[in-house]
Amino acid sequence: MSLARTILEELSSNHKTYKGVKVNIFGLPVFGSFQKRTVRSTIDRLVRQELIIKELNGMIISGKGKEYLKRKADALKNFSIPKKVSSIKDLIVMFDVPLARKAEREWLRFHLKKFGFVMIQKSVWVGPSPLPKEFLDYIKSIKMEGHIKQLKLSKPYGK
C-alpha cells in the first residue's frame, strides 16, 4: 500500500489522534515505518492535490480524498495464496492484455507469481494447475477472459 493511501485511510478513520495524526496506545505516530521527511513531503503533496486539508488543530481528509480512497477500494481484488499449491508446473498461461489496461496486466503478473508461476516470457507463464476458481471468476467479471489463454501440458515443465 502506498504512503499516500495509508495517510488518507488514517485520516478517514476515527482513531485516537494527536495534532491531527493517528497515534497508537503509546502516543507514537502510526507511520513509524516511514522516514519523517517522506511522511512530510507526502502530506505536502496530498495538500497540493487537495486530498487533505490542513487546519489549525490538525488535518482532515477532503471530499476529493474520500473519492480517491473509494476508487482504491474498488480497484483490482487481491487474492491469497492457494492452500494447496502443487510443485508440478503443468499449466501455461499466456495473455495479451492491451496497453490501455496496464494496471490489470501488472495485477495479473503479480498474482501469477503469488500462485507459484514462473515467467518464460513477459506474457507467457508456467505453473501449477488449476488456477483458483474465484480468481478465474474475477477475471471474467473484469472482462479479461478474452485476453488470457490456459494450456495444460502433457508433461510437467522442466522435466
N, C-alpha and C. Protein backbone atom coordinates (compact mmCIF):
# COMPACT_ATOMS: atom_id res chain seq x y z
N MET A 1 0.86 -1.17 0.00
CA MET A 1 0.00 0.00 0.00
C MET A 1 0.90 1.24 0.00
N SER A 2 0.53 2.26 -0.75
CA SER A 2 1.34 3.46 -0.83
C SER A 2 1.18 4.30 0.44
N LEU A 3 2.16 5.12 0.70
CA LEU A 3 2.11 6.01 1.86
C LEU A 3 0.94 6.97 1.75
N ALA A 4 0.69 7.49 0.55
CA ALA A 4 -0.43 8.42 0.36
C ALA A 4 -1.75 7.76 0.75
N ARG A 5 -1.94 6.52 0.30
CA ARG A 5 -3.18 5.82 0.64
C ARG A 5 -3.26 5.56 2.14
N THR A 6 -2.15 5.22 2.77
CA THR A 6 -2.12 4.99 4.21
C THR A 6 -2.52 6.26 4.96
N ILE A 7 -1.95 7.39 4.55
CA ILE A 7 -2.27 8.67 5.20
C ILE A 7 -3.75 8.98 5.05
N LEU A 8 -4.29 8.82 3.84
CA LEU A 8 -5.70 9.12 3.60
C LEU A 8 -6.61 8.18 4.40
N GLU A 9 -6.26 6.91 4.47
CA GLU A 9 -7.08 5.98 5.25
C GLU A 9 -7.04 6.31 6.73
N GLU A 10 -5.88 6.70 7.23
CA GLU A 10 -5.77 7.05 8.64
C GLU A 10 -6.60 8.29 8.96
N LEU A 11 -6.60 9.27 8.05
CA LEU A 11 -7.37 10.49 8.28
C LEU A 11 -8.87 10.24 8.17
N SER A 12 -9.26 9.22 7.39
CA SER A 12 -10.68 8.95 7.23
C SER A 12 -11.27 8.09 8.34
N SER A 13 -10.44 7.48 9.16
CA SER A 13 -10.95 6.62 10.23
C SER A 13 -11.01 7.38 11.55
N ASN A 14 -11.82 6.90 12.45
CA ASN A 14 -11.97 7.52 13.77
C ASN A 14 -11.10 6.79 14.78
N HIS A 15 -9.93 7.33 15.04
CA HIS A 15 -9.00 6.75 16.00
C HIS A 15 -8.47 7.86 16.90
N LYS A 16 -7.70 7.48 17.88
CA LYS A 16 -7.06 8.48 18.73
C LYS A 16 -6.05 9.26 17.90
N THR A 17 -6.11 10.58 18.07
CA THR A 17 -5.18 11.42 17.32
C THR A 17 -4.48 12.40 18.24
N TYR A 18 -3.34 12.82 17.79
CA TYR A 18 -2.60 13.88 18.48
C TYR A 18 -2.16 14.85 17.40
N LYS A 19 -2.62 16.08 17.48
CA LYS A 19 -2.35 17.12 16.48
C LYS A 19 -2.70 16.63 15.07
N GLY A 20 -3.82 15.92 14.97
CA GLY A 20 -4.33 15.51 13.67
C GLY A 20 -3.73 14.24 13.10
N VAL A 21 -2.81 13.59 13.83
CA VAL A 21 -2.16 12.39 13.32
C VAL A 21 -2.54 11.21 14.20
N LYS A 22 -2.91 10.09 13.59
CA LYS A 22 -3.28 8.90 14.35
C LYS A 22 -2.08 8.40 15.15
N VAL A 23 -2.35 8.04 16.39
CA VAL A 23 -1.28 7.52 17.25
C VAL A 23 -1.73 6.19 17.85
N ASN A 24 -0.74 5.39 18.22
CA ASN A 24 -1.06 4.13 18.88
C ASN A 24 -1.26 4.37 20.37
N ILE A 25 -1.39 3.31 21.15
CA ILE A 25 -1.67 3.47 22.59
C ILE A 25 -0.53 4.13 23.34
N PHE A 26 0.66 4.16 22.75
CA PHE A 26 1.81 4.81 23.37
C PHE A 26 1.96 6.26 22.95
N GLY A 27 1.07 6.73 22.07
CA GLY A 27 1.14 8.10 21.58
C GLY A 27 2.12 8.29 20.44
N LEU A 28 2.61 7.19 19.89
CA LEU A 28 3.56 7.27 18.77
C LEU A 28 2.81 7.24 17.45
N PRO A 29 3.27 8.02 16.45
CA PRO A 29 2.59 8.04 15.16
C PRO A 29 2.55 6.65 14.51
N VAL A 30 1.47 6.37 13.81
CA VAL A 30 1.29 5.08 13.14
C VAL A 30 2.26 4.94 11.97
N PHE A 31 2.76 6.02 11.44
CA PHE A 31 3.63 5.99 10.26
C PHE A 31 5.08 5.73 10.62
N GLY A 32 5.33 5.00 11.68
CA GLY A 32 6.68 4.76 12.19
C GLY A 32 7.62 4.08 11.22
N SER A 33 7.10 3.31 10.26
CA SER A 33 7.98 2.59 9.34
C SER A 33 8.50 3.49 8.21
N PHE A 34 8.01 4.72 8.12
CA PHE A 34 8.44 5.66 7.09
C PHE A 34 9.31 6.74 7.72
N GLN A 35 10.25 7.26 6.95
CA GLN A 35 11.07 8.36 7.44
C GLN A 35 10.21 9.61 7.57
N LYS A 36 10.53 10.45 8.56
CA LYS A 36 9.75 11.67 8.81
C LYS A 36 9.69 12.55 7.56
N ARG A 37 10.81 12.70 6.89
CA ARG A 37 10.87 13.55 5.71
C ARG A 37 9.94 13.02 4.61
N THR A 38 9.86 11.70 4.47
CA THR A 38 8.98 11.10 3.47
C THR A 38 7.52 11.38 3.81
N VAL A 39 7.17 11.23 5.08
CA VAL A 39 5.79 11.50 5.51
C VAL A 39 5.45 12.96 5.27
N ARG A 40 6.35 13.87 5.66
CA ARG A 40 6.09 15.31 5.48
C ARG A 40 5.91 15.66 4.01
N SER A 41 6.78 15.16 3.14
CA SER A 41 6.67 15.50 1.72
C SER A 41 5.42 14.89 1.10
N THR A 42 5.03 13.69 1.56
CA THR A 42 3.81 13.08 1.05
C THR A 42 2.59 13.87 1.50
N ILE A 43 2.58 14.32 2.75
CA ILE A 43 1.47 15.15 3.24
C ILE A 43 1.40 16.45 2.45
N ASP A 44 2.53 17.09 2.18
CA ASP A 44 2.54 18.32 1.38
C ASP A 44 1.97 18.07 -0.02
N ARG A 45 2.34 16.93 -0.61
CA ARG A 45 1.81 16.60 -1.93
C ARG A 45 0.31 16.37 -1.88
N LEU A 46 -0.18 15.70 -0.83
CA LEU A 46 -1.61 15.46 -0.68
C LEU A 46 -2.38 16.76 -0.49
N VAL A 47 -1.77 17.73 0.19
CA VAL A 47 -2.39 19.05 0.36
C VAL A 47 -2.47 19.75 -1.00
N ARG A 48 -1.37 19.71 -1.77
CA ARG A 48 -1.35 20.34 -3.10
C ARG A 48 -2.39 19.70 -4.03
N GLN A 49 -2.58 18.39 -3.90
CA GLN A 49 -3.56 17.69 -4.73
C GLN A 49 -4.99 17.83 -4.18
N GLU A 50 -5.13 18.56 -3.07
CA GLU A 50 -6.41 18.82 -2.41
C GLU A 50 -7.09 17.53 -1.93
N LEU A 51 -6.28 16.54 -1.54
CA LEU A 51 -6.81 15.30 -0.99
C LEU A 51 -6.96 15.40 0.52
N ILE A 52 -6.16 16.26 1.15
CA ILE A 52 -6.31 16.54 2.57
C ILE A 52 -6.28 18.05 2.78
N ILE A 53 -6.83 18.48 3.91
CA ILE A 53 -6.89 19.90 4.24
C ILE A 53 -6.21 20.08 5.59
N LYS A 54 -5.25 21.00 5.64
CA LYS A 54 -4.60 21.32 6.92
C LYS A 54 -5.45 22.36 7.63
N GLU A 55 -5.74 22.12 8.89
CA GLU A 55 -6.48 23.06 9.71
C GLU A 55 -5.64 23.41 10.93
N LEU A 56 -6.10 24.36 11.73
CA LEU A 56 -5.35 24.77 12.91
C LEU A 56 -5.11 23.61 13.89
N ASN A 57 -6.11 22.76 14.05
CA ASN A 57 -5.98 21.67 15.01
C ASN A 57 -5.57 20.33 14.38
N GLY A 58 -5.10 20.33 13.15
CA GLY A 58 -4.64 19.10 12.51
C GLY A 58 -5.01 19.04 11.05
N MET A 59 -5.22 17.84 10.56
CA MET A 59 -5.54 17.62 9.16
C MET A 59 -6.83 16.82 9.06
N ILE A 60 -7.58 17.04 7.97
CA ILE A 60 -8.76 16.24 7.69
C ILE A 60 -8.72 15.81 6.23
N ILE A 61 -9.41 14.74 5.94
CA ILE A 61 -9.48 14.27 4.57
C ILE A 61 -10.58 15.06 3.85
N SER A 62 -10.31 15.46 2.62
CA SER A 62 -11.29 16.23 1.84
C SER A 62 -12.24 15.28 1.11
N GLY A 63 -13.26 15.85 0.50
CA GLY A 63 -14.18 15.05 -0.31
C GLY A 63 -13.44 14.37 -1.45
N LYS A 64 -12.51 15.09 -2.05
CA LYS A 64 -11.70 14.53 -3.13
C LYS A 64 -10.86 13.36 -2.61
N GLY A 65 -10.36 13.49 -1.38
CA GLY A 65 -9.58 12.41 -0.77
C GLY A 65 -10.42 11.17 -0.50
N LYS A 66 -11.68 11.40 -0.07
CA LYS A 66 -12.59 10.27 0.16
C LYS A 66 -12.91 9.56 -1.15
N GLU A 67 -13.07 10.32 -2.23
CA GLU A 67 -13.31 9.71 -3.55
C GLU A 67 -12.10 8.89 -3.98
N TYR A 68 -10.90 9.40 -3.72
CA TYR A 68 -9.66 8.70 -4.05
C TYR A 68 -9.63 7.35 -3.33
N LEU A 69 -9.94 7.35 -2.04
CA LEU A 69 -9.95 6.10 -1.26
C LEU A 69 -10.99 5.12 -1.78
N LYS A 70 -12.15 5.63 -2.16
CA LYS A 70 -13.19 4.76 -2.68
C LYS A 70 -12.74 4.10 -3.98
N ARG A 71 -12.10 4.87 -4.86
CA ARG A 71 -11.58 4.30 -6.10
C ARG A 71 -10.55 3.22 -5.81
N LYS A 72 -9.68 3.45 -4.83
CA LYS A 72 -8.66 2.46 -4.47
C LYS A 72 -9.30 1.21 -3.89
N ALA A 73 -10.34 1.37 -3.10
CA ALA A 73 -11.03 0.22 -2.50
C ALA A 73 -11.74 -0.59 -3.57
N ASP A 74 -12.22 0.08 -4.62
CA ASP A 74 -12.93 -0.60 -5.70
C ASP A 74 -11.97 -1.13 -6.76
N ALA A 75 -10.66 -0.92 -6.55
CA ALA A 75 -9.66 -1.34 -7.53
C ALA A 75 -9.58 -2.86 -7.58
N LEU A 76 -8.63 -3.35 -8.30
CA LEU A 76 -8.49 -4.78 -8.52
C LEU A 76 -8.37 -5.56 -7.22
N LYS A 77 -9.07 -6.67 -7.17
CA LYS A 77 -9.13 -7.52 -5.98
C LYS A 77 -7.81 -8.22 -5.74
N ASN A 78 -7.50 -8.45 -4.47
CA ASN A 78 -6.28 -9.14 -4.10
C ASN A 78 -6.62 -10.55 -3.63
N PHE A 79 -5.97 -11.56 -4.18
CA PHE A 79 -6.23 -12.95 -3.83
C PHE A 79 -5.09 -13.49 -2.98
N SER A 80 -5.44 -14.40 -2.07
CA SER A 80 -4.41 -15.01 -1.23
C SER A 80 -3.83 -16.23 -1.94
N ILE A 81 -2.70 -16.67 -1.43
CA ILE A 81 -2.02 -17.83 -2.00
C ILE A 81 -2.88 -19.07 -1.72
N PRO A 82 -3.13 -19.89 -2.73
CA PRO A 82 -3.93 -21.10 -2.51
C PRO A 82 -3.30 -21.99 -1.45
N LYS A 83 -4.12 -22.68 -0.68
CA LYS A 83 -3.62 -23.54 0.40
C LYS A 83 -2.82 -24.71 -0.13
N LYS A 84 -3.29 -25.31 -1.19
CA LYS A 84 -2.60 -26.46 -1.76
C LYS A 84 -1.99 -26.04 -3.10
N VAL A 85 -0.70 -25.71 -3.08
CA VAL A 85 -0.01 -25.34 -4.31
C VAL A 85 0.89 -26.50 -4.69
N SER A 86 0.66 -27.04 -5.86
CA SER A 86 1.45 -28.15 -6.35
C SER A 86 2.81 -27.66 -6.81
N SER A 87 3.81 -28.50 -6.67
CA SER A 87 5.14 -28.13 -7.16
C SER A 87 5.29 -28.50 -8.63
N ILE A 88 4.31 -29.23 -9.15
CA ILE A 88 4.34 -29.64 -10.56
C ILE A 88 3.81 -28.50 -11.42
N LYS A 89 4.66 -28.03 -12.32
CA LYS A 89 4.28 -26.92 -13.20
C LYS A 89 3.77 -27.52 -14.51
N ASP A 90 2.44 -27.60 -14.62
CA ASP A 90 1.84 -28.25 -15.78
C ASP A 90 0.77 -27.40 -16.47
N LEU A 91 0.81 -26.09 -16.26
CA LEU A 91 -0.16 -25.19 -16.88
C LEU A 91 0.56 -23.97 -17.44
N ILE A 92 0.32 -23.70 -18.70
CA ILE A 92 0.86 -22.48 -19.32
C ILE A 92 -0.26 -21.46 -19.40
N VAL A 93 0.03 -20.25 -18.95
CA VAL A 93 -0.90 -19.14 -19.05
C VAL A 93 -0.26 -18.11 -19.97
N MET A 94 -0.97 -17.79 -21.04
CA MET A 94 -0.50 -16.77 -21.99
C MET A 94 -1.53 -15.65 -22.00
N PHE A 95 -1.05 -14.43 -22.11
CA PHE A 95 -2.00 -13.34 -22.15
C PHE A 95 -1.50 -12.23 -23.05
N ASP A 96 -2.43 -11.48 -23.58
CA ASP A 96 -2.15 -10.31 -24.41
C ASP A 96 -3.14 -9.23 -23.96
N VAL A 97 -2.78 -8.56 -22.88
CA VAL A 97 -3.64 -7.52 -22.30
C VAL A 97 -3.26 -6.19 -22.95
N PRO A 98 -4.22 -5.45 -23.50
CA PRO A 98 -3.92 -4.19 -24.18
C PRO A 98 -3.20 -3.19 -23.27
N LEU A 99 -2.43 -2.32 -23.88
CA LEU A 99 -1.67 -1.30 -23.16
C LEU A 99 -2.59 -0.42 -22.31
N ALA A 100 -3.80 -0.19 -22.78
CA ALA A 100 -4.75 0.65 -22.03
C ALA A 100 -5.14 0.02 -20.70
N ARG A 101 -4.89 -1.28 -20.54
CA ARG A 101 -5.23 -1.98 -19.30
C ARG A 101 -3.96 -2.42 -18.57
N LYS A 102 -2.98 -1.54 -18.53
CA LYS A 102 -1.68 -1.84 -17.93
C LYS A 102 -1.81 -2.28 -16.47
N ALA A 103 -2.68 -1.63 -15.71
CA ALA A 103 -2.84 -1.98 -14.29
C ALA A 103 -3.31 -3.42 -14.15
N GLU A 104 -4.24 -3.85 -15.00
CA GLU A 104 -4.72 -5.23 -14.95
C GLU A 104 -3.62 -6.21 -15.32
N ARG A 105 -2.80 -5.83 -16.30
CA ARG A 105 -1.69 -6.70 -16.72
C ARG A 105 -0.69 -6.89 -15.58
N GLU A 106 -0.33 -5.81 -14.89
CA GLU A 106 0.60 -5.90 -13.75
C GLU A 106 -0.04 -6.69 -12.61
N TRP A 107 -1.33 -6.50 -12.38
CA TRP A 107 -2.06 -7.24 -11.36
C TRP A 107 -2.02 -8.74 -11.67
N LEU A 108 -2.22 -9.10 -12.94
CA LEU A 108 -2.19 -10.50 -13.35
C LEU A 108 -0.80 -11.10 -13.11
N ARG A 109 0.24 -10.41 -13.51
CA ARG A 109 1.61 -10.91 -13.29
C ARG A 109 1.89 -11.11 -11.80
N PHE A 110 1.48 -10.14 -11.00
CA PHE A 110 1.69 -10.23 -9.55
C PHE A 110 1.04 -11.49 -8.99
N HIS A 111 -0.21 -11.76 -9.40
CA HIS A 111 -0.91 -12.92 -8.87
C HIS A 111 -0.37 -14.23 -9.42
N LEU A 112 0.07 -14.24 -10.66
CA LEU A 112 0.68 -15.47 -11.19
C LEU A 112 1.92 -15.84 -10.37
N LYS A 113 2.73 -14.84 -10.04
CA LYS A 113 3.90 -15.11 -9.18
C LYS A 113 3.45 -15.66 -7.83
N LYS A 114 2.43 -15.04 -7.30
CA LYS A 114 1.89 -15.44 -5.99
C LYS A 114 1.38 -16.88 -6.01
N PHE A 115 0.85 -17.32 -7.14
CA PHE A 115 0.30 -18.67 -7.27
C PHE A 115 1.37 -19.70 -7.63
N GLY A 116 2.63 -19.29 -7.67
CA GLY A 116 3.72 -20.24 -7.93
C GLY A 116 4.12 -20.37 -9.38
N PHE A 117 3.72 -19.43 -10.22
CA PHE A 117 4.09 -19.46 -11.63
C PHE A 117 5.44 -18.81 -11.83
N VAL A 118 6.13 -19.22 -12.90
CA VAL A 118 7.39 -18.60 -13.29
C VAL A 118 7.23 -18.05 -14.70
N MET A 119 7.94 -16.96 -14.94
CA MET A 119 7.82 -16.29 -16.24
C MET A 119 8.77 -16.94 -17.25
N ILE A 120 8.22 -17.29 -18.39
CA ILE A 120 9.03 -17.77 -19.51
C ILE A 120 9.33 -16.57 -20.42
N GLN A 121 8.31 -15.79 -20.70
CA GLN A 121 8.39 -14.50 -21.36
C GLN A 121 7.44 -13.59 -20.61
N LYS A 122 7.47 -12.29 -20.91
CA LYS A 122 6.64 -11.33 -20.17
C LYS A 122 5.17 -11.74 -20.11
N SER A 123 4.66 -12.34 -21.18
CA SER A 123 3.25 -12.70 -21.21
C SER A 123 3.03 -14.21 -21.32
N VAL A 124 4.04 -14.99 -21.00
CA VAL A 124 3.92 -16.45 -21.01
C VAL A 124 4.47 -16.96 -19.68
N TRP A 125 3.60 -17.62 -18.92
CA TRP A 125 3.96 -18.10 -17.59
C TRP A 125 3.62 -19.57 -17.46
N VAL A 126 4.39 -20.29 -16.64
CA VAL A 126 4.11 -21.70 -16.40
C VAL A 126 4.06 -21.93 -14.90
N GLY A 127 3.09 -22.75 -14.49
CA GLY A 127 2.94 -23.00 -13.07
C GLY A 127 1.98 -24.14 -12.79
N PRO A 128 1.64 -24.30 -11.53
CA PRO A 128 0.75 -25.41 -11.14
C PRO A 128 -0.69 -25.16 -11.57
N SER A 129 -1.37 -26.25 -11.87
CA SER A 129 -2.78 -26.12 -12.23
C SER A 129 -3.63 -26.73 -11.12
N PRO A 130 -4.86 -26.34 -11.06
CA PRO A 130 -5.54 -25.29 -11.81
C PRO A 130 -5.40 -23.95 -11.09
N LEU A 131 -5.74 -22.88 -11.81
CA LEU A 131 -5.83 -21.57 -11.17
C LEU A 131 -7.07 -21.58 -10.28
N PRO A 132 -7.03 -20.85 -9.15
CA PRO A 132 -8.20 -20.83 -8.25
C PRO A 132 -9.47 -20.38 -8.97
N LYS A 133 -10.58 -21.07 -8.68
CA LYS A 133 -11.87 -20.78 -9.34
C LYS A 133 -12.30 -19.33 -9.12
N GLU A 134 -12.17 -18.82 -7.87
CA GLU A 134 -12.59 -17.44 -7.62
C GLU A 134 -11.73 -16.44 -8.39
N PHE A 135 -10.46 -16.78 -8.65
CA PHE A 135 -9.59 -15.94 -9.45
C PHE A 135 -10.09 -15.90 -10.89
N LEU A 136 -10.42 -17.05 -11.44
CA LEU A 136 -10.93 -17.12 -12.82
C LEU A 136 -12.28 -16.42 -12.94
N ASP A 137 -13.14 -16.56 -11.92
CA ASP A 137 -14.42 -15.86 -11.92
C ASP A 137 -14.22 -14.35 -11.92
N TYR A 138 -13.24 -13.90 -11.14
CA TYR A 138 -12.96 -12.46 -11.07
C TYR A 138 -12.43 -11.95 -12.41
N ILE A 139 -11.59 -12.73 -13.06
CA ILE A 139 -11.07 -12.35 -14.38
C ILE A 139 -12.24 -12.16 -15.36
N LYS A 140 -13.23 -13.03 -15.27
CA LYS A 140 -14.42 -12.88 -16.12
C LYS A 140 -15.19 -11.62 -15.76
N SER A 141 -15.30 -11.34 -14.46
CA SER A 141 -16.08 -10.17 -14.02
C SER A 141 -15.44 -8.85 -14.46
N ILE A 142 -14.10 -8.82 -14.61
CA ILE A 142 -13.45 -7.59 -15.07
C ILE A 142 -13.20 -7.63 -16.57
N LYS A 143 -13.83 -8.61 -17.23
CA LYS A 143 -13.82 -8.74 -18.69
C LYS A 143 -12.41 -8.87 -19.28
N MET A 144 -11.61 -9.75 -18.67
CA MET A 144 -10.26 -10.02 -19.18
C MET A 144 -10.12 -11.42 -19.75
N GLU A 145 -11.18 -12.25 -19.67
CA GLU A 145 -11.04 -13.65 -20.08
C GLU A 145 -10.66 -13.79 -21.55
N GLY A 146 -11.03 -12.83 -22.40
CA GLY A 146 -10.68 -12.88 -23.82
C GLY A 146 -9.21 -12.61 -24.10
N HIS A 147 -8.50 -12.10 -23.11
CA HIS A 147 -7.08 -11.77 -23.29
C HIS A 147 -6.16 -12.83 -22.71
N ILE A 148 -6.72 -13.88 -22.08
CA ILE A 148 -5.92 -14.87 -21.37
C ILE A 148 -6.25 -16.27 -21.88
N LYS A 149 -5.22 -17.05 -22.15
CA LYS A 149 -5.39 -18.44 -22.58
C LYS A 149 -4.62 -19.35 -21.63
N GLN A 150 -5.20 -20.51 -21.31
CA GLN A 150 -4.55 -21.52 -20.47
C GLN A 150 -4.36 -22.79 -21.29
N LEU A 151 -3.18 -23.38 -21.17
CA LEU A 151 -2.89 -24.64 -21.86
C LEU A 151 -2.34 -25.63 -20.85
N LYS A 152 -2.94 -26.80 -20.76
CA LYS A 152 -2.49 -27.85 -19.87
C LYS A 152 -1.39 -28.64 -20.59
N LEU A 153 -0.25 -28.82 -19.93
CA LEU A 153 0.87 -29.55 -20.51
C LEU A 153 0.70 -31.05 -20.29
N SER A 154 1.13 -31.84 -21.25
CA SER A 154 1.05 -33.31 -21.09
C SER A 154 2.14 -33.79 -20.14
N LYS A 155 3.29 -33.11 -20.11
CA LYS A 155 4.36 -33.43 -19.17
C LYS A 155 4.67 -32.16 -18.39
N PRO A 156 5.06 -32.30 -17.11
CA PRO A 156 5.42 -31.12 -16.32
C PRO A 156 6.58 -30.34 -16.95
N TYR A 157 6.54 -29.04 -16.81
CA TYR A 157 7.58 -28.15 -17.33
C TYR A 157 8.89 -28.42 -16.61
N GLY A 158 9.97 -28.49 -17.38
CA GLY A 158 11.31 -28.64 -16.79
C GLY A 158 11.70 -30.07 -16.47
N LYS A 159 10.92 -31.05 -16.89
CA LYS A 159 11.28 -32.46 -16.62
C LYS A 159 11.41 -33.23 -17.89
